[in-house]
Protein backbone atom coordinates (compact mmCIF):
# COMPACT_ATOMS: atom_id res chain seq x y z
CA MET A 1 -3.97 -7.23 -10.93
CA PRO A 2 -7.29 -6.92 -9.46
CA ARG A 3 -9.44 -3.87 -10.12
CA ARG A 4 -9.30 -2.79 -6.46
CA GLN A 5 -5.64 -2.81 -6.50
CA GLN A 6 -5.73 -1.09 -9.67
CA CYS A 7 -7.80 1.69 -8.09
CA TRP A 8 -5.66 2.18 -5.17
CA ARG A 9 -2.60 2.20 -7.45
CA LEU A 10 -4.01 5.08 -9.61
CA THR A 11 -5.06 7.02 -6.63
CA GLU A 12 -1.73 6.78 -5.08
CA SER A 13 0.14 8.15 -8.18
CA LEU A 14 -2.42 10.87 -8.58
CA ALA A 15 -2.02 11.84 -5.00
CA GLY A 16 1.58 11.88 -5.34
CA GLU A 17 1.50 14.25 -8.54
CA LEU A 18 -1.15 16.47 -7.45
CA LYS A 19 -0.19 17.05 -3.68
CA THR A 20 2.22 19.91 -4.38
CA ARG A 21 -0.94 21.73 -5.97
CA GLY A 22 -2.98 21.29 -2.93
CA ILE A 23 -5.31 18.71 -4.48
CA ASN A 24 -6.41 15.50 -2.43
CA VAL A 25 -7.05 12.29 -4.32
CA ASN A 26 -9.00 9.65 -2.52
CA CYS A 27 -10.79 6.29 -3.60
CA ILE A 28 -13.82 4.64 -2.15
CA VAL A 29 -13.99 1.21 -2.71
CA PRO A 30 -16.75 -0.42 -0.81
CA GLY A 31 -17.62 -4.16 -0.58
CA THR A 32 -20.81 -5.28 -1.94
CA ILE A 33 -23.41 -2.56 -1.88
CA ASP A 34 -26.67 -3.47 -0.41
CA THR A 35 -29.28 -2.78 -2.93
CA PRO A 36 -32.43 -4.65 -4.06
CA GLN A 37 -30.72 -5.59 -7.26
CA ASN A 38 -28.04 -7.26 -5.43
CA ARG A 39 -30.24 -9.14 -2.94
CA GLU A 40 -32.12 -10.41 -5.70
CA ALA A 41 -29.13 -11.76 -7.33
CA MET A 42 -27.57 -13.03 -4.48
CA PRO A 43 -30.06 -14.39 -2.10
CA LYS A 44 -28.09 -16.71 -0.10
CA ALA A 45 -25.41 -14.06 0.80
CA ASP A 46 -24.90 -12.50 4.24
CA PHE A 47 -26.37 -9.10 3.81
CA SER A 48 -25.28 -8.07 7.20
CA THR A 49 -21.67 -7.63 5.88
CA TRP A 50 -22.84 -5.60 2.91
CA VAL A 51 -22.17 -1.66 2.71
CA ALA A 52 -25.35 0.45 2.58
CA PRO A 53 -25.63 3.25 0.25
CA GLU A 54 -26.17 5.50 2.69
CA ASP A 55 -22.68 4.90 4.38
CA ILE A 56 -20.86 5.59 1.16
CA ALA A 57 -22.88 8.92 0.72
CA HIS A 58 -21.46 9.69 4.43
CA VAL A 59 -17.85 8.92 3.40
CA ILE A 60 -18.21 11.15 0.49
CA ALA A 61 -19.99 13.83 2.44
CA PHE A 62 -17.08 13.60 4.94
CA LEU A 63 -14.45 13.73 2.18
CA LEU A 64 -16.04 16.93 0.95
CA SER A 65 -16.13 18.57 4.17
CA ASP A 66 -13.75 21.09 5.94
CA GLU A 67 -12.91 18.39 8.45
CA ALA A 68 -11.31 16.13 5.83
CA ARG A 69 -9.10 19.12 4.43
CA LEU A 70 -7.67 19.40 7.68
CA GLY A 71 -6.97 15.59 7.74
CA HIS A 72 -5.23 15.69 4.31
CA ARG A 73 -2.92 18.16 5.36
CA ARG A 74 -1.53 16.05 8.25
CA ARG A 75 -1.73 12.42 6.24
CA GLY A 76 -2.07 13.02 2.79
CA ALA A 77 -4.08 11.27 0.28
CA GLY A 78 -5.97 8.05 1.65
CA CYS A 79 -7.84 5.13 0.44
CA MET A 80 -11.16 3.78 2.00
CA GLY A 81 -12.24 0.45 0.94
CA GLY A 82 -14.24 -2.81 2.15
CA SER A 83 -13.43 -6.23 1.83
């Protein structure tokens, strides 16, 4: 099983176990992160499809916000991932 799927399965399992305690579980699984090191290692790649580190930070900030807490009450745990 690919690592991404393992992360999702672990998240689903933990979310199921912890939801009755009011604990939300999320996973963030971006695609390739746009860093100088990745650009150097993969110079012929299409950088336009890569995820900016700031975008990941925004997702984390949202998940820590009161707005996300309200959404979790309606939806349960979720996974956000890239391709």
